[in-house]
Amino acid sequence: MAPRSPKRLLGGGRCRVNSRLRTAGITVLAAAAAGALAALIIRDQVTRHRRDLFSSRALRRLAALGHVNKTPASVDTIRMLRDFVAWEPRKLLRERAQSIVFRMEAEVAQAGLLTEVESS
């Protein structure tokens, strides 16, 4: 009888490595799919609630700020955002709105639409 090879005595180490790689690959793929699904759900929520600036829900207000940030700067938008900054209870959303106000004020001032009285 011929002597057995070391691989056969150890149970074929190659199968264990392939199995581990397959498990790791499936795990990474599942995590990526879950992340992509979460991103799609959040994007859908943002799209649906982009006009809810004074909503009771913070995610809707954040979505609305994202929408307002993409709109052209106007004096009316700046006034609305100033009201929002005064009303908003969450610091993060207030700061985001304030940064949008600063940018829009600069754009409107550059166009010459904002007077000294309105800028305060």
C-alpha atoms as a PDB file:
ATOM      1  CA  MET A   1       0.000   0.000   0.000  1.00  0.00           C
ATOM      2  CA  ALA A   2       1.321   3.476  -0.935  1.00  0.00           C
ATOM      3  CA  PRO A   3       1.892   6.074   1.773  1.00  0.00           C
ATOM      4  CA  ARG A   4      -0.714   8.800   2.020  1.00  0.00           C
ATOM      5  CA  SER A   5       0.157  12.368   1.125  1.00  0.00           C
ATOM      6  CA  PRO A   6       0.326  14.985   3.909  1.00  0.00           C
ATOM      7  CA  LYS A   7      -2.601  16.942   2.411  1.00  0.00           C
ATOM      8  CA  ARG A   8      -4.881  13.959   2.697  1.00  0.00           C
ATOM      9  CA  LEU A   9      -3.793  13.337   6.283  1.00  0.00           C
ATOM     10  CA  LEU A  10      -4.588  16.958   7.231  1.00  0.00           C
ATOM     11  CA  GLY A  11      -8.005  16.819   5.643  1.00  0.00           C
ATOM     12  CA  GLY A  12      -7.166  18.787   2.523  1.00  0.00           C
ATOM     13  CA  GLY A  13      -6.250  22.231   3.885  1.00  0.00           C
ATOM     14  CA  ARG A  14      -7.172  23.785   0.575  1.00  0.00           C
ATOM     15  CA  CYS A  15     -10.892  23.182   1.154  1.00  0.00           C
ATOM     16  CA  ARG A  16     -10.769  25.004   4.483  1.00  0.00           C
ATOM     17  CA  VAL A  17      -9.096  28.035   2.919  1.00  0.00           C
ATOM     18  CA  ASN A  18     -11.621  28.145   0.081  1.00  0.00           C
ATOM     19  CA  SER A  19     -14.454  27.841   2.568  1.00  0.00           C
ATOM     20  CA  ARG A  20     -13.103  30.710   4.678  1.00  0.00           C
ATOM     21  CA  LEU A  21     -12.583  32.912   1.638  1.00  0.00           C
ATOM     22  CA  ARG A  22     -16.076  32.153   0.425  1.00  0.00           C
ATOM     23  CA  THR A  23     -17.554  32.999   3.852  1.00  0.00           C
ATOM     24  CA  ALA A  24     -15.575  36.246   4.038  1.00  0.00           C
ATOM     25  CA  GLY A  25     -16.601  37.180   0.515  1.00  0.00           C
ATOM     26  CA  ILE A  26     -20.265  36.563   1.230  1.00  0.00           C
ATOM     27  CA  THR A  27     -20.013  38.599   4.436  1.00  0.00           C
ATOM     28  CA  VAL A  28     -18.417  41.546   2.627  1.00  0.00           C
ATOM     29  CA  LEU A  29     -20.982  41.322  -0.150  1.00  0.00           C
ATOM     30  CA  ALA A  30     -23.871  41.255   2.340  1.00  0.00           C
ATOM     31  CA  ALA A  31     -22.467  44.289   4.193  1.00  0.00           C
ATOM     32  CA  ALA A  32     -22.067  46.213   0.922  1.00  0.00           C
ATOM     33  CA  ALA A  33     -25.613  45.326  -0.116  1.00  0.00           C
ATOM     34  CA  ALA A  34     -26.978  46.455   3.261  1.00  0.00           C
ATOM     35  CA  GLY A  35     -25.070  49.742   2.972  1.00  0.00           C
ATOM     36  CA  ALA A  36     -26.347  50.342  -0.554  1.00  0.00           C
ATOM     37  CA  LEU A  37     -29.913  49.585   0.538  1.00  0.00           C
ATOM     38  CA  ALA A  38     -29.625  51.992   3.477  1.00  0.00           C
ATOM     39  CA  ALA A  39     -28.278  54.710   1.168  1.00  0.00           C
ATOM     40  CA  LEU A  40     -31.187  54.213  -1.231  1.00  0.00           C
ATOM     41  CA  ILE A  41     -33.742  54.394   1.570  1.00  0.00           C
ATOM     42  CA  ILE A  42     -32.212  57.586   2.965  1.00  0.00           C
ATOM     43  CA  ARG A  43     -32.051  59.129  -0.509  1.00  0.00           C
ATOM     44  CA  ASP A  44     -35.705  58.288  -1.053  1.00  0.00           C
ATOM     45  CA  GLN A  45     -36.656  59.908   2.264  1.00  0.00           C
ATOM     46  CA  VAL A  46     -34.635  63.008   1.425  1.00  0.00           C
ATOM     47  CA  THR A  47     -36.328  63.273  -1.971  1.00  0.00           C
ATOM     48  CA  ARG A  48     -39.804  62.905  -0.491  1.00  0.00           C
ATOM     49  CA  HIS A  49     -39.368  65.430   2.288  1.00  0.00           C
ATOM     50  CA  ARG A  50     -37.280  68.118   0.652  1.00  0.00           C
ATOM     51  CA  ARG A  51     -39.864  70.847   1.198  1.00  0.00           C
ATOM     52  CA  ASP A  52     -40.576  70.172   4.893  1.00  0.00           C
ATOM     53  CA  LEU A  53     -38.296  72.848   6.355  1.00  0.00           C
ATOM     54  CA  PHE A  54     -40.431  73.438   9.447  1.00  0.00           C
ATOM     55  CA  SER A  55     -41.375  69.787  10.000  1.00  0.00           C
ATOM     56  CA  SER A  56     -41.349  68.243  13.471  1.00  0.00           C
ATOM     57  CA  ARG A  57     -38.920  65.565  12.216  1.00  0.00           C
ATOM     58  CA  ALA A  58     -35.210  66.340  12.001  1.00  0.00           C
ATOM     59  CA  LEU A  59     -34.556  64.135   8.951  1.00  0.00           C
ATOM     60  CA  ARG A  60     -37.216  65.981   6.999  1.00  0.00           C
ATOM     61  CA  ARG A  61     -35.723  69.321   7.993  1.00  0.00           C
ATOM     62  CA  LEU A  62     -32.270  68.117   6.932  1.00  0.00           C
ATOM     63  CA  ALA A  63     -33.683  67.005   3.584  1.00  0.00           C
ATOM     64  CA  ALA A  64     -35.363  70.365   3.146  1.00  0.00           C
ATOM     65  CA  LEU A  65     -32.079  72.160   3.886  1.00  0.00           C
ATOM     66  CA  GLY A  66     -30.407  70.062   1.210  1.00  0.00           C
ATOM     67  CA  HIS A  67     -33.101  71.094  -1.245  1.00  0.00           C
ATOM     68  CA  VAL A  68     -32.885  74.780  -0.282  1.00  0.00           C
ATOM     69  CA  ASN A  69     -29.102  74.667  -0.633  1.00  0.00           C
ATOM     70  CA  LYS A  70     -29.499  73.690  -4.307  1.00  0.00           C
ATOM     71  CA  THR A  71     -31.965  76.470  -5.131  1.00  0.00           C
ATOM     72  CA  PRO A  72     -30.782  79.831  -6.476  1.00  0.00           C
ATOM     73  CA  ALA A  73     -30.110  82.482  -3.845  1.00  0.00           C
ATOM     74  CA  SER A  74     -32.888  85.005  -3.298  1.00  0.00           C
ATOM     75  CA  VAL A  75     -33.841  87.541  -0.642  1.00  0.00           C
ATOM     76  CA  ASP A  76     -36.997  85.561   0.203  1.00  0.00           C
ATOM     77  CA  THR A  77     -35.020  82.346   0.688  1.00  0.00           C
ATOM     78  CA  ILE A  78     -32.546  84.142   2.943  1.00  0.00           C
ATOM     79  CA  ARG A  79     -35.388  85.552   5.072  1.00  0.00           C
ATOM     80  CA  MET A  80     -36.990  82.118   5.339  1.00  0.00           C
ATOM     81  CA  LEU A  81     -33.678  80.563   6.392  1.00  0.00           C
ATOM     82  CA  ARG A  82     -33.137  83.274   9.019  1.00  0.00           C
ATOM     83  CA  ASP A  83     -36.544  82.407  10.465  1.00  0.00           C
ATOM     84  CA  PHE A  84     -35.538  78.741  10.397  1.00  0.00           C
ATOM     85  CA  VAL A  85     -32.253  79.473  12.217  1.00  0.00           C
ATOM     86  CA  ALA A  86     -34.168  81.337  14.938  1.00  0.00           C
ATOM     87  CA  TRP A  87     -36.719  78.502  15.237  1.00  0.00           C
ATOM     88  CA  GLU A  88     -34.534  75.366  14.891  1.00  0.00           C
ATOM     89  CA  PRO A  89     -33.860  73.576  18.213  1.00  0.00           C
ATOM     90  CA  ARG A  90     -30.980  71.376  16.946  1.00  0.00           C
ATOM     91  CA  LYS A  91     -27.557  72.966  16.826  1.00  0.00           C
ATOM     92  CA  LEU A  92     -26.349  70.911  13.850  1.00  0.00           C
ATOM     93  CA  LEU A  93     -29.295  71.931  11.671  1.00  0.00           C
ATOM     94  CA  ARG A  94     -29.036  75.566  12.810  1.00  0.00           C
ATOM     95  CA  GLU A  95     -25.370  75.650  11.826  1.00  0.00           C
ATOM     96  CA  ARG A  96     -26.104  74.051   8.459  1.00  0.00           C
ATOM     97  CA  ALA A  97     -28.833  76.594   7.751  1.00  0.00           C
ATOM     98  CA  GLN A  98     -26.570  79.445   8.870  1.00  0.00           C
ATOM     99  CA  SER A  99     -23.843  78.334   6.473  1.00  0.00           C
ATOM    100  CA  ILE A 100     -26.407  78.302   3.651  1.00  0.00           C
ATOM    101  CA  VAL A 101     -27.524  81.801   4.671  1.00  0.00           C
ATOM    102  CA  PHE A 102     -23.932  83.090   4.572  1.00  0.00           C
ATOM    103  CA  ARG A 103     -23.383  81.621   1.122  1.00  0.00           C
ATOM    104  CA  MET A 104     -26.649  82.973  -0.232  1.00  0.00           C
ATOM    105  CA  GLU A 105     -26.034  86.410   1.276  1.00  0.00           C
ATOM    106  CA  ALA A 106     -22.682  86.557  -0.476  1.00  0.00           C
ATOM    107  CA  GLU A 107     -24.276  85.547  -3.790  1.00  0.00           C
ATOM    108  CA  VAL A 108     -27.104  88.060  -3.453  1.00  0.00           C
ATOM    109  CA  ALA A 109     -24.742  90.840  -2.332  1.00  0.00           C
ATOM    110  CA  GLN A 110     -22.504  90.122  -5.299  1.00  0.00           C
ATOM    111  CA  ALA A 111     -25.522  90.512  -7.573  1.00  0.00           C
ATOM    112  CA  GLY A 112     -26.418  93.768  -5.792  1.00  0.00           C
ATOM    113  CA  LEU A 113     -29.856  92.641  -4.628  1.00  0.00           C
ATOM    114  CA  LEU A 114     -29.267  92.841  -0.866  1.00  0.00           C
ATOM    115  CA  THR A 115     -29.272  96.240   0.836  1.00  0.00           C
ATOM    116  CA  GLU A 116     -27.555  97.168   4.106  1.00  0.00           C
ATOM    117  CA  VAL A 117     -30.855  97.037   6.024  1.00  0.00           C
ATOM    118  CA  GLU A 118     -31.670  93.518   4.838  1.00  0.00           C
ATOM    119  CA  SER A 119     -28.221  92.102   5.576  1.00  0.00           C
ATOM    120  CA  SER A 120     -28.515  92.556   9.359  1.00  0.00           C
END
